[in-house]
Amino acid sequence: FLVDKKTISYGGCMAQVFFFLTFQNAEDFLLAIMAYDRFVAICNPLHYTMLINKRLCVQLVAGSWVMATLDATLHTVLTSRLFFCGPNEINHFLCDMIPLFKLSCSDTFVNE
């Protein structure tokens, strides 16, 4: 409702896929880190401050963002190598992986 033109370029679609996957993966990794933090706090309460320090927290958060970015880069590159033929229209408001796979004329086995 903000603009009349409701299309997105191929590059814009790939950027949207990349950022969506990056933030989704980072959220998943950060939730796993928070679960580990609570596990250590409950199971080893007296050793918690010795095991979980600021340096480890920074390493875990940085590692989660690095892993999220690498995973999103891998999936975006693999998706960008697909060939598309026919009507290249996705009836969604988001450039998601599954609709892109359905539009592809090439084999999507590696991507899935």
PDB file of N, CA and C in Angstrom:
ATOM      1  N   PHE A   1       0.797  -1.194   0.000  1.00  0.00           N
ATOM      2  CA  PHE A   1       0.000   0.000   0.000  1.00  0.00           C
ATOM      3  C   PHE A   1       0.842   1.262   0.000  1.00  0.00           C
ATOM      4  N   LEU A   2       2.147   1.138   0.207  1.00  0.00           N
ATOM      5  CA  LEU A   2       3.008   2.320   0.198  1.00  0.00           C
ATOM      6  C   LEU A   2       3.471   2.689  -1.202  1.00  0.00           C
ATOM      7  N   VAL A   3       3.648   1.697  -2.062  1.00  0.00           N
ATOM      8  CA  VAL A   3       4.096   1.962  -3.427  1.00  0.00           C
ATOM      9  C   VAL A   3       3.210   1.195  -4.394  1.00  0.00           C
ATOM     10  N   ASP A   4       3.116   1.719  -5.616  1.00  0.00           N
ATOM     11  CA  ASP A   4       2.316   1.048  -6.627  1.00  0.00           C
ATOM     12  C   ASP A   4       3.063  -0.129  -7.243  1.00  0.00           C
ATOM     13  N   LYS A   5       4.363   0.001  -7.407  1.00  0.00           N
ATOM     14  CA  LYS A   5       5.176  -1.049  -8.011  1.00  0.00           C
ATOM     15  C   LYS A   5       5.554  -2.064  -6.936  1.00  0.00           C
ATOM     16  N   LYS A   6       5.052  -3.280  -7.079  1.00  0.00           N
ATOM     17  CA  LYS A   6       5.285  -4.300  -6.058  1.00  0.00           C
ATOM     18  C   LYS A   6       6.198  -5.394  -6.579  1.00  0.00           C
ATOM     19  N   THR A   7       7.290  -4.989  -7.214  1.00  0.00           N
ATOM     20  CA  THR A   7       8.257  -5.951  -7.727  1.00  0.00           C
ATOM     21  C   THR A   7       9.591  -5.724  -7.044  1.00  0.00           C
ATOM     22  N   ILE A   8      10.431  -6.733  -7.123  1.00  0.00           N
ATOM     23  CA  ILE A   8      11.774  -6.652  -6.567  1.00  0.00           C
ATOM     24  C   ILE A   8      12.729  -7.241  -7.582  1.00  0.00           C
ATOM     25  N   SER A   9      13.900  -6.659  -7.683  1.00  0.00           N
ATOM     26  CA  SER A   9      14.892  -7.159  -8.635  1.00  0.00           C
ATOM     27  C   SER A   9      15.480  -8.470  -8.121  1.00  0.00           C
ATOM     28  N   TYR A  10      16.174  -9.161  -9.011  1.00  0.00           N
ATOM     29  CA  TYR A  10      16.818 -10.420  -8.635  1.00  0.00           C
ATOM     30  C   TYR A  10      17.880 -10.179  -7.557  1.00  0.00           C
ATOM     31  N   GLY A  11      18.677  -9.122  -7.747  1.00  0.00           N
ATOM     32  CA  GLY A  11      19.687  -8.783  -6.739  1.00  0.00           C
ATOM     33  C   GLY A  11      19.066  -8.398  -5.409  1.00  0.00           C
ATOM     34  N   GLY A  12      17.955  -7.673  -5.472  1.00  0.00           N
ATOM     35  CA  GLY A  12      17.238  -7.320  -4.245  1.00  0.00           C
ATOM     36  C   GLY A  12      16.678  -8.546  -3.549  1.00  0.00           C
ATOM     37  N   CYS A  13      16.216  -9.495  -4.348  1.00  0.00           N
ATOM     38  CA  CYS A  13      15.699 -10.745  -3.775  1.00  0.00           C
ATOM     39  C   CYS A  13      16.818 -11.527  -3.081  1.00  0.00           C
ATOM     40  N   MET A  14      17.984 -11.596  -3.721  1.00  0.00           N
ATOM     41  CA  MET A  14      19.111 -12.312  -3.115  1.00  0.00           C
ATOM     42  C   MET A  14      19.589 -11.597  -1.847  1.00  0.00           C
ATOM     43  N   ALA A  15      19.577 -10.279  -1.847  1.00  0.00           N
ATOM     44  CA  ALA A  15      19.952  -9.525  -0.642  1.00  0.00           C
ATOM     45  C   ALA A  15      18.953  -9.796   0.475  1.00  0.00           C
ATOM     46  N   GLN A  16      17.678  -9.842   0.124  1.00  0.00           N
ATOM     47  CA  GLN A  16      16.648 -10.113   1.123  1.00  0.00           C
ATOM     48  C   GLN A  16      16.814 -11.518   1.709  1.00  0.00           C
ATOM     49  N   VAL A  17      17.115 -12.483   0.848  1.00  0.00           N
ATOM     50  CA  VAL A  17      17.359 -13.857   1.317  1.00  0.00           C
ATOM     51  C   VAL A  17      18.563 -13.876   2.250  1.00  0.00           C
ATOM     52  N   PHE A  18      19.646 -13.199   1.858  1.00  0.00           N
ATOM     53  CA  PHE A  18      20.861 -13.191   2.670  1.00  0.00           C
ATOM     54  C   PHE A  18      20.603 -12.604   4.061  1.00  0.00           C
ATOM     55  N   PHE A  19      19.977 -11.432   4.118  1.00  0.00           N
ATOM     56  CA  PHE A  19      19.770 -10.793   5.415  1.00  0.00           C
ATOM     57  C   PHE A  19      18.753 -11.551   6.264  1.00  0.00           C
ATOM     58  N   PHE A  20      17.726 -12.089   5.632  1.00  0.00           N
ATOM     59  CA  PHE A  20      16.757 -12.873   6.376  1.00  0.00           C
ATOM     60  C   PHE A  20      17.427 -14.090   7.010  1.00  0.00           C
ATOM     61  N   LEU A  21      18.228 -14.810   6.226  1.00  0.00           N
ATOM     62  CA  LEU A  21      18.917 -15.991   6.753  1.00  0.00           C
ATOM     63  C   LEU A  21      19.956 -15.618   7.813  1.00  0.00           C
ATOM     64  N   THR A  22      20.665 -14.520   7.605  1.00  0.00           N
ATOM     65  CA  THR A  22      21.671 -14.105   8.587  1.00  0.00           C
ATOM     66  C   THR A  22      21.035 -13.824   9.941  1.00  0.00           C
ATOM     67  N   PHE A  23      19.971 -13.036   9.934  1.00  0.00           N
ATOM     68  CA  PHE A  23      19.339 -12.688  11.210  1.00  0.00           C
ATOM     69  C   PHE A  23      18.636 -13.885  11.839  1.00  0.00           C
ATOM     70  N   GLN A  24      18.056 -14.746  11.031  1.00  0.00           N
ATOM     71  CA  GLN A  24      17.398 -15.938  11.566  1.00  0.00           C
ATOM     72  C   GLN A  24      18.422 -16.882  12.191  1.00  0.00           C
ATOM     73  N   ASN A  25      19.525 -17.111  11.486  1.00  0.00           N
ATOM     74  CA  ASN A  25      20.568 -17.983  12.022  1.00  0.00           C
ATOM     75  C   ASN A  25      21.207 -17.391  13.270  1.00  0.00           C
ATOM     76  N   ALA A  26      21.451 -16.090  13.272  1.00  0.00           N
ATOM     77  CA  ALA A  26      22.042 -15.452  14.451  1.00  0.00           C
ATOM     78  C   ALA A  26      21.116 -15.602  15.651  1.00  0.00           C
ATOM     79  N   GLU A  27      19.819 -15.440  15.422  1.00  0.00           N
ATOM     80  CA  GLU A  27      18.862 -15.613  16.512  1.00  0.00           C
ATOM     81  C   GLU A  27      18.903 -17.044  17.053  1.00  0.00           C
ATOM     82  N   ASP A  28      18.969 -18.014  16.161  1.00  0.00           N
ATOM     83  CA  ASP A  28      19.019 -19.412  16.596  1.00  0.00           C
ATOM     84  C   ASP A  28      20.290 -19.701  17.399  1.00  0.00           C
ATOM     85  N   PHE A  29      21.433 -19.224  16.904  1.00  0.00           N
ATOM     86  CA  PHE A  29      22.686 -19.437  17.621  1.00  0.00           C
ATOM     87  C   PHE A  29      22.682 -18.729  18.977  1.00  0.00           C
ATOM     88  N   LEU A  30      22.149 -17.518  19.029  1.00  0.00           N
ATOM     89  CA  LEU A  30      22.104 -16.789  20.300  1.00  0.00           C
ATOM     90  C   LEU A  30      21.173 -17.463  21.297  1.00  0.00           C
ATOM     91  N   LEU A  31      20.072 -18.038  20.823  1.00  0.00           N
ATOM     92  CA  LEU A  31      19.194 -18.795  21.723  1.00  0.00           C
ATOM     93  C   LEU A  31      19.904 -20.022  22.277  1.00  0.00           C
ATOM     94  N   ALA A  32      20.707 -20.680  21.450  1.00  0.00           N
ATOM     95  CA  ALA A  32      21.477 -21.836  21.922  1.00  0.00           C
ATOM     96  C   ALA A  32      22.521 -21.408  22.953  1.00  0.00           C
ATOM     97  N   ILE A  33      23.148 -20.259  22.737  1.00  0.00           N
ATOM     98  CA  ILE A  33      24.127 -19.747  23.699  1.00  0.00           C
ATOM     99  C   ILE A  33      23.443 -19.403  25.022  1.00  0.00           C
ATOM    100  N   MET A  34      22.267 -18.804  24.933  1.00  0.00           N
ATOM    101  CA  MET A  34      21.528 -18.474  26.163  1.00  0.00           C
ATOM    102  C   MET A  34      21.130 -19.746  26.911  1.00  0.00           C
ATOM    103  N   ALA A  35      20.775 -20.789  26.203  1.00  0.00           N
ATOM    104  CA  ALA A  35      20.436 -22.062  26.843  1.00  0.00           C
ATOM    105  C   ALA A  35      21.662 -22.653  27.528  1.00  0.00           C
ATOM    106  N   TYR A  36      22.815 -22.571  26.869  1.00  0.00           N
ATOM    107  CA  TYR A  36      24.052 -23.057  27.485  1.00  0.00           C
ATOM    108  C   TYR A  36      24.384 -22.250  28.737  1.00  0.00           C
ATOM    109  N   ASP A  37      24.208 -20.951  28.674  1.00  0.00           N
ATOM    110  CA  ASP A  37      24.459 -20.083  29.824  1.00  0.00           C
ATOM    111  C   ASP A  37      23.582 -20.485  31.012  1.00  0.00           C
ATOM    112  N   ARG A  38      22.300 -20.712  30.762  1.00  0.00           N
ATOM    113  CA  ARG A  38      21.388 -21.120  31.837  1.00  0.00           C
ATOM    114  C   ARG A  38      21.744 -22.512  32.352  1.00  0.00           C
ATOM    115  N   PHE A  39      22.170 -23.401  31.460  1.00  0.00           N
ATOM    116  CA  PHE A  39      22.578 -24.745  31.863  1.00  0.00           C
ATOM    117  C   PHE A  39      23.749 -24.682  32.837  1.00  0.00           C
ATOM    118  N   VAL A  40      24.754 -23.881  32.500  1.00  0.00           N
ATOM    119  CA  VAL A  40      25.921 -23.745  33.381  1.00  0.00           C
ATOM    120  C   VAL A  40      25.513 -23.098  34.693  1.00  0.00           C
ATOM    121  N   ALA A  41      24.640 -22.097  34.644  1.00  0.00           N
ATOM    122  CA  ALA A  41      24.213 -21.406  35.867  1.00  0.00           C
ATOM    123  C   ALA A  41      23.447 -22.334  36.798  1.00  0.00           C
ATOM    124  N   ILE A  42      22.661 -23.250  36.238  1.00  0.00           N
ATOM    125  CA  ILE A  42      21.863 -24.155  37.076  1.00  0.00           C
ATOM    126  C   ILE A  42      22.680 -25.349  37.551  1.00  0.00           C
ATOM    127  N   CYS A  43      23.476 -25.930  36.663  1.00  0.00           N
ATOM    128  CA  CYS A  43      24.208 -27.153  37.004  1.00  0.00           C
ATOM    129  C   CYS A  43      25.508 -26.894  37.765  1.00  0.00           C
ATOM    130  N   ASN A  44      26.126 -25.748  37.535  1.00  0.00           N
ATOM    131  CA  ASN A  44      27.388 -25.410  38.214  1.00  0.00           C
ATOM    132  C   ASN A  44      27.323 -23.996  38.777  1.00  0.00           C
ATOM    133  N   PRO A  45      26.444 -23.742  39.736  1.00  0.00           N
ATOM    134  CA  PRO A  45      26.276 -22.356  40.205  1.00  0.00           C
ATOM    135  C   PRO A  45      27.518 -21.774  40.879  1.00  0.00           C
ATOM    136  N   LEU A  46      28.297 -22.594  41.531  1.00  0.00           N
ATOM    137  CA  LEU A  46      29.473 -22.065  42.214  1.00  0.00           C
ATOM    138  C   LEU A  46      30.636 -21.805  41.259  1.00  0.00           C
ATOM    139  N   HIS A  47      30.638 -22.465  40.120  1.00  0.00           N
ATOM    140  CA  HIS A  47      31.705 -22.276  39.138  1.00  0.00           C
ATOM    141  C   HIS A  47      31.294 -21.358  37.990  1.00  0.00           C
ATOM    142  N   TYR A  48      30.083 -20.825  38.064  1.00  0.00           N
ATOM    143  CA  TYR A  48      29.536 -20.052  36.946  1.00  0.00           C
ATOM    144  C   TYR A  48      30.426 -18.872  36.564  1.00  0.00           C
ATOM    145  N   THR A  49      30.838 -18.080  37.542  1.00  0.00           N
ATOM    146  CA  THR A  49      31.637 -16.887  37.219  1.00  0.00           C
ATOM    147  C   THR A  49      33.021 -17.261  36.697  1.00  0.00           C
ATOM    148  N   MET A  50      33.488 -18.437  37.044  1.00  0.00           N
ATOM    149  CA  MET A  50      34.778 -18.883  36.541  1.00  0.00           C
ATOM    150  C   MET A  50      34.643 -19.439  35.113  1.00  0.00           C
ATOM    151  N   LEU A  51      33.523 -20.100  34.831  1.00  0.00           N
ATOM    152  CA  LEU A  51      33.327 -20.697  33.514  1.00  0.00           C
ATOM    153  C   LEU A  51      32.824 -19.690  32.477  1.00  0.00           C
ATOM    154  N   ILE A  52      31.873 -18.873  32.869  1.00  0.00           N
ATOM    155  CA  ILE A  52      31.272 -17.901  31.944  1.00  0.00           C
ATOM    156  C   ILE A  52      31.799 -16.512  32.306  1.00  0.00           C
ATOM    157  N   ASN A  53      32.796 -16.060  31.564  1.00  0.00           N
ATOM    158  CA  ASN A  53      33.338 -14.725  31.806  1.00  0.00           C
ATOM    159  C   ASN A  53      33.068 -13.839  30.590  1.00  0.00           C
ATOM    160  N   LYS A  54      33.462 -12.592  30.684  1.00  0.00           N
ATOM    161  CA  LYS A  54      33.172 -11.640  29.616  1.00  0.00           C
ATOM    162  C   LYS A  54      33.846 -12.045  28.304  1.00  0.00           C
ATOM    163  N   ARG A  55      35.058 -12.543  28.388  1.00  0.00           N
ATOM    164  CA  ARG A  55      35.780 -12.956  27.178  1.00  0.00           C
ATOM    165  C   ARG A  55      35.043 -14.077  26.465  1.00  0.00           C
ATOM    166  N   LEU A  56      34.569 -15.070  27.203  1.00  0.00           N
ATOM    167  CA  LEU A  56      33.835 -16.176  26.598  1.00  0.00           C
ATOM    168  C   LEU A  56      32.526 -15.692  25.986  1.00  0.00           C
ATOM    169  N   CYS A  57      31.849 -14.786  26.673  1.00  0.00           N
ATOM    170  CA  CYS A  57      30.591 -14.244  26.136  1.00  0.00           C
ATOM    171  C   CYS A  57      30.816 -13.531  24.816  1.00  0.00           C
ATOM    172  N   VAL A  58      31.863 -12.723  24.738  1.00  0.00           N
ATOM    173  CA  VAL A  58      32.169 -12.010  23.497  1.00  0.00           C
ATOM    174  C   VAL A  58      32.525 -13.002  22.393  1.00  0.00           C
ATOM    175  N   GLN A  59      33.287 -14.043  22.728  1.00  0.00           N
ATOM    176  CA  GLN A  59      33.651 -15.053  21.738  1.00  0.00           C
ATOM    177  C   GLN A  59      32.422 -15.804  21.232  1.00  0.00           C
ATOM    178  N   LEU A  60      31.521 -16.153  22.126  1.00  0.00           N
ATOM    179  CA  LEU A  60      30.318 -16.880  21.721  1.00  0.00           C
ATOM    180  C   LEU A  60      29.414 -16.028  20.832  1.00  0.00           C
ATOM    181  N   VAL A  61      29.238 -14.769  21.181  1.00  0.00           N
ATOM    182  CA  VAL A  61      28.395 -13.888  20.375  1.00  0.00           C
ATOM    183  C   VAL A  61      29.042 -13.631  19.015  1.00  0.00           C
ATOM    184  N   ALA A  62      30.345 -13.350  19.009  1.00  0.00           N
ATOM    185  CA  ALA A  62      31.035 -13.123  17.734  1.00  0.00           C
ATOM    186  C   ALA A  62      30.994 -14.377  16.872  1.00  0.00           C
ATOM    187  N   GLY A  63      31.202 -15.526  17.497  1.00  0.00           N
ATOM    188  CA  GLY A  63      31.136 -16.791  16.762  1.00  0.00           C
ATOM    189  C   GLY A  63      29.768 -17.055  16.178  1.00  0.00           C
ATOM    190  N   SER A  64      28.724 -16.684  16.918  1.00  0.00           N
ATOM    191  CA  SER A  64      27.372 -16.902  16.406  1.00  0.00           C
ATOM    192  C   SER A  64      27.108 -16.036  15.182  1.00  0.00           C
ATOM    193  N   TRP A  65      27.574 -14.789  15.194  1.00  0.00           N
ATOM    194  CA  TRP A  65      27.376 -13.917  14.035  1.00  0.00           C
ATOM    195  C   TRP A  65      28.218 -14.369  12.849  1.00  0.00           C
ATOM    196  N   VAL A  66      29.440 -14.832  13.115  1.00  0.00           N
ATOM    197  CA  VAL A  66      30.284 -15.335  12.023  1.00  0.00           C
ATOM    198  C   VAL A  66      29.650 -16.570  11.398  1.00  0.00           C
ATOM    199  N   MET A  67      29.204 -17.503  12.218  1.00  0.00           N
ATOM    200  CA  MET A  67      28.582 -18.721  11.698  1.00  0.00           C
ATOM    201  C   MET A  67      27.288 -18.400  10.954  1.00  0.00           C
ATOM    202  N   ALA A  68      26.501 -17.476  11.476  1.00  0.00           N
ATOM    203  CA  ALA A  68      25.250 -17.090  10.817  1.00  0.00           C
ATOM    204  C   ALA A  68      25.526 -16.472   9.455  1.00  0.00           C
ATOM    205  N   THR A  69      26.539 -15.610   9.384  1.00  0.00           N
ATOM    206  CA  THR A  69      26.881 -14.964   8.118  1.00  0.00           C
ATOM    207  C   THR A  69      27.418 -15.969   7.112  1.00  0.00           C
ATOM    208  N   LEU A  70      28.275 -16.885   7.561  1.00  0.00           N
ATOM    209  CA  LEU A  70      28.812 -17.898   6.653  1.00  0.00           C
ATOM    210  C   LEU A  70      27.713 -18.808   6.115  1.00  0.00           C
ATOM    211  N   ASP A  71      26.812 -19.230   6.976  1.00  0.00           N
ATOM    212  CA  ASP A  71      25.714 -20.093   6.545  1.00  0.00           C
ATOM    213  C   ASP A  71      24.802 -19.363   5.562  1.00  0.00           C
ATOM    214  N   ALA A  72      24.483 -18.115   5.850  1.00  0.00           N
ATOM    215  CA  ALA A  72      23.626 -17.339   4.951  1.00  0.00           C
ATOM    216  C   ALA A  72      24.324 -17.093   3.620  1.00  0.00           C
ATOM    217  N   THR A  73      25.625 -16.851   3.643  1.00  0.00           N
ATOM    218  CA  THR A  73      26.377 -16.657   2.403  1.00  0.00           C
ATOM    219  C   THR A  73      26.343 -17.923   1.555  1.00  0.00           C
ATOM    220  N   LEU A  74      26.550 -19.064   2.191  1.00  0.00           N
ATOM    221  CA  LEU A  74      26.515 -20.338   1.471  1.00  0.00           C
ATOM    222  C   LEU A  74      25.163 -20.552   0.795  1.00  0.00           C
ATOM    223  N   HIS A  75      24.085 -20.381   1.545  1.00  0.00           N
ATOM    224  CA  HIS A  75      22.756 -20.601   0.980  1.00  0.00           C
ATOM    225  C   HIS A  75      22.416 -19.579  -0.103  1.00  0.00           C
ATOM    226  N   THR A  76      22.830 -18.342   0.076  1.00  0.00           N
ATOM    227  CA  THR A  76      22.548 -17.313  -0.929  1.00  0.00           C
ATOM    228  C   THR A  76      23.318 -17.592  -2.217  1.00  0.00           C
ATOM    229  N   VAL A  77      24.576 -17.989  -2.104  1.00  0.00           N
ATOM    230  CA  VAL A  77      25.369 -18.303  -3.296  1.00  0.00           C
ATOM    231  C   VAL A  77      24.781 -19.507  -4.020  1.00  0.00           C
ATOM    232  N   LEU A  78      24.419 -20.543  -3.280  1.00  0.00           N
ATOM    233  CA  LEU A  78      23.825 -21.723  -3.914  1.00  0.00           C
ATOM    234  C   LEU A  78      22.495 -21.383  -4.586  1.00  0.00           C
ATOM    235  N   THR A  79      21.710 -20.529  -3.974  1.00  0.00           N
ATOM    236  CA  THR A  79      20.433 -20.134  -4.566  1.00  0.00           C
ATOM    237  C   THR A  79      20.643 -19.260  -5.795  1.00  0.00           C
ATOM    238  N   SER A  80      21.652 -18.409  -5.771  1.00  0.00           N
ATOM    239  CA  SER A  80      21.899 -17.529  -6.911  1.00  0.00           C
ATOM    240  C   SER A  80      22.404 -18.295  -8.130  1.00  0.00           C
ATOM    241  N   ARG A  81      22.883 -19.511  -7.949  1.00  0.00           N
ATOM    242  CA  ARG A  81      23.377 -20.312  -9.064  1.00  0.00           C
ATOM    243  C   ARG A  81      22.268 -21.102  -9.755  1.00  0.00           C
ATOM    244  N   LEU A  82      21.047 -21.018  -9.249  1.00  0.00           N
ATOM    245  CA  LEU A  82      19.931 -21.714  -9.877  1.00  0.00           C
ATOM    246  C   LEU A  82      19.499 -20.984 -11.147  1.00  0.00           C
ATOM    247  N   PHE A  83      18.932 -21.751 -12.075  1.00  0.00           N
ATOM    248  CA  PHE A  83      18.392 -21.175 -13.303  1.00  0.00           C
ATOM    249  C   PHE A  83      16.880 -21.077 -13.173  1.00  0.00           C
ATOM    250  N   PHE A  84      16.327 -19.956 -13.638  1.00  0.00           N
ATOM    251  CA  PHE A  84      14.891 -19.730 -13.560  1.00  0.00           C
ATOM    252  C   PHE A  84      14.346 -19.552 -14.967  1.00  0.00           C
ATOM    253  N   CYS A  85      13.211 -20.170 -15.231  1.00  0.00           N
ATOM    254  CA  CYS A  85      12.568 -20.015 -16.524  1.00  0.00           C
ATOM    255  C   CYS A  85      11.057 -19.887 -16.298  1.00  0.00           C
ATOM    256  N   GLY A  86      10.379 -19.390 -17.291  1.00  0.00           N
ATOM    257  CA  GLY A  86       8.938 -19.207 -17.147  1.00  0.00           C
ATOM    258  C   GLY A  86       8.619 -17.945 -16.379  1.00  0.00           C
ATOM    259  N   PRO A  87       7.419 -17.863 -15.840  1.00  0.00           N
ATOM    260  CA  PRO A  87       7.038 -16.653 -15.086  1.00  0.00           C
ATOM    261  C   PRO A  87       7.806 -16.579 -13.768  1.00  0.00           C
ATOM    262  N   ASN A  88       8.561 -15.528 -13.611  1.00  0.00           N
ATOM    263  CA  ASN A  88       9.372 -15.368 -12.397  1.00  0.00           C
ATOM    264  C   ASN A  88       8.647 -14.500 -11.385  1.00  0.00           C
ATOM    265  N   GLU A  89       7.462 -14.926 -11.005  1.00  0.00           N
ATOM    266  CA  GLU A  89       6.674 -14.180 -10.034  1.00  0.00           C
ATOM    267  C   GLU A  89       6.401 -15.052  -8.828  1.00  0.00           C
ATOM    268  N   ILE A  90       6.679 -14.489  -7.669  1.00  0.00           N
ATOM    269  CA  ILE A  90       6.391 -15.157  -6.407  1.00  0.00           C
ATOM    270  C   ILE A  90       5.207 -14.435  -5.786  1.00  0.00           C
ATOM    271  N   ASN A  91       4.182 -15.181  -5.461  1.00  0.00           N
ATOM    272  CA  ASN A  91       2.988 -14.570  -4.887  1.00  0.00           C
ATOM    273  C   ASN A  91       3.126 -14.500  -3.360  1.00  0.00           C
ATOM    274  N   HIS A  92       4.192 -13.862  -2.902  1.00  0.00           N
ATOM    275  CA  HIS A  92       4.480 -13.689  -1.481  1.00  0.00           C
ATOM    276  C   HIS A  92       4.968 -12.262  -1.271  1.00  0.00           C
ATOM    277  N   PHE A  93       5.016 -11.843  -0.036  1.00  0.00           N
ATOM    278  CA  PHE A  93       5.575 -10.528   0.260  1.00  0.00           C
ATOM    279  C   PHE A  93       7.044 -10.628   0.630  1.00  0.00           C
ATOM    280  N   LEU A  94       7.594 -11.850   0.624  1.00  0.00           N
ATOM    281  CA  LEU A  94       8.982 -12.083   1.003  1.00  0.00           C
ATOM    282  C   LEU A  94       9.623 -13.008  -0.016  1.00  0.00           C
ATOM    283  N   CYS A  95      10.848 -12.725  -0.388  1.00  0.00           N
ATOM    284  CA  CYS A  95      11.609 -13.597  -1.283  1.00  0.00           C
ATOM    285  C   CYS A  95      12.133 -14.758  -0.448  1.00  0.00           C
ATOM    286  N   ASP A  96      11.391 -15.821  -0.358  1.00  0.00           N
ATOM    287  CA  ASP A  96      11.747 -16.949   0.496  1.00  0.00           C
ATOM    288  C   ASP A  96      12.370 -18.061  -0.338  1.00  0.00           C
ATOM    289  N   MET A  97      13.048 -18.973   0.330  1.00  0.00           N
ATOM    290  CA  MET A  97      13.779 -20.028  -0.359  1.00  0.00           C
ATOM    291  C   MET A  97      12.844 -21.018  -1.072  1.00  0.00           C
ATOM    292  N   ILE A  98      11.824 -21.492  -0.408  1.00  0.00           N
ATOM    293  CA  ILE A  98      10.949 -22.520  -0.983  1.00  0.00           C
ATOM    294  C   ILE A  98      10.263 -22.041  -2.265  1.00  0.00           C
ATOM    295  N   PRO A  99       9.675 -20.843  -2.300  1.00  0.00           N
ATOM    296  CA  PRO A  99       9.109 -20.381  -3.573  1.00  0.00           C
ATOM    297  C   PRO A  99      10.165 -20.225  -4.670  1.00  0.00           C
ATOM    298  N   LEU A 100      11.381 -19.830  -4.306  1.00  0.00           N
ATOM    299  CA  LEU A 100      12.444 -19.740  -5.300  1.00  0.00           C
ATOM    300  C   LEU A 100      12.795 -21.118  -5.847  1.00  0.00           C
ATOM    301  N   PHE A 101      12.825 -22.126  -4.981  1.00  0.00           N
ATOM    302  CA  PHE A 101      13.107 -23.489  -5.434  1.00  0.00           C
ATOM    303  C   PHE A 101      12.018 -23.985  -6.377  1.00  0.00           C
ATOM    304  N   LYS A 102      10.770 -23.621  -6.107  1.00  0.00           N
ATOM    305  CA  LYS A 102       9.665 -24.047  -6.966  1.00  0.00           C
ATOM    306  C   LYS A 102       9.724 -23.374  -8.341  1.00  0.00           C
ATOM    307  N   LEU A 103      10.263 -22.175  -8.405  1.00  0.00           N
ATOM    308  CA  LEU A 103      10.398 -21.474  -9.687  1.00  0.00           C
ATOM    309  C   LEU A 103      11.584 -21.964 -10.507  1.00  0.00           C
ATOM    310  N   SER A 104      12.518 -22.604  -9.875  1.00  0.00           N
ATOM    311  CA  SER A 104      13.757 -22.976 -10.543  1.00  0.00           C
ATOM    312  C   SER A 104      13.544 -24.113 -11.537  1.00  0.00           C
ATOM    313  N   CYS A 105      14.263 -24.007 -12.665  1.00  0.00           N
ATOM    314  CA  CYS A 105      14.239 -25.062 -13.678  1.00  0.00           C
ATOM    315  C   CYS A 105      15.366 -26.076 -13.434  1.00  0.00           C
ATOM    316  N   SER A 106      16.339 -25.718 -12.635  1.00  0.00           N
ATOM    317  CA  SER A 106      17.479 -26.599 -12.387  1.00  0.00           C
ATOM    318  C   SER A 106      17.240 -27.435 -11.141  1.00  0.00           C
ATOM    319  N   ASP A 107      18.138 -28.372 -10.918  1.00  0.00           N
ATOM    320  CA  ASP A 107      18.050 -29.285  -9.780  1.00  0.00           C
ATOM    321  C   ASP A 107      18.344 -28.527  -8.483  1.00  0.00           C
ATOM    322  N   THR A 108      17.483 -28.652  -7.493  1.00  0.00           N
ATOM    323  CA  THR A 108      17.650 -27.952  -6.215  1.00  0.00           C
ATOM    324  C   THR A 108      18.071 -28.894  -5.087  1.00  0.00           C
ATOM    325  N   PHE A 109      18.572 -30.065  -5.430  1.00  0.00           N
ATOM    326  CA  PHE A 109      18.941 -31.060  -4.422  1.00  0.00           C
ATOM    327  C   PHE A 109      19.997 -30.515  -3.454  1.00  0.00           C
ATOM    328  N   VAL A 110      21.018 -29.854  -3.964  1.00  0.00           N
ATOM    329  CA  VAL A 110      22.091 -29.322  -3.105  1.00  0.00           C
ATOM    330  C   VAL A 110      21.539 -28.246  -2.176  1.00  0.00           C
ATOM    331  N   ASN A 111      20.629 -27.429  -2.661  1.00  0.00           N
ATOM    332  CA  ASN A 111      20.074 -26.349  -1.863  1.00  0.00           C
ATOM    333  C   ASN A 111      19.175 -26.861  -0.740  1.00  0.00           C
ATOM    334  N   GLU A 112      18.472 -27.922  -1.003  1.00  0.00           N
ATOM    335  CA  GLU A 112      17.527 -28.428  -0.013  1.00  0.00           C
ATOM    336  C   GLU A 112      18.264 -29.195   1.042  1.00  0.00           C
TER     337      GLU A 112
END
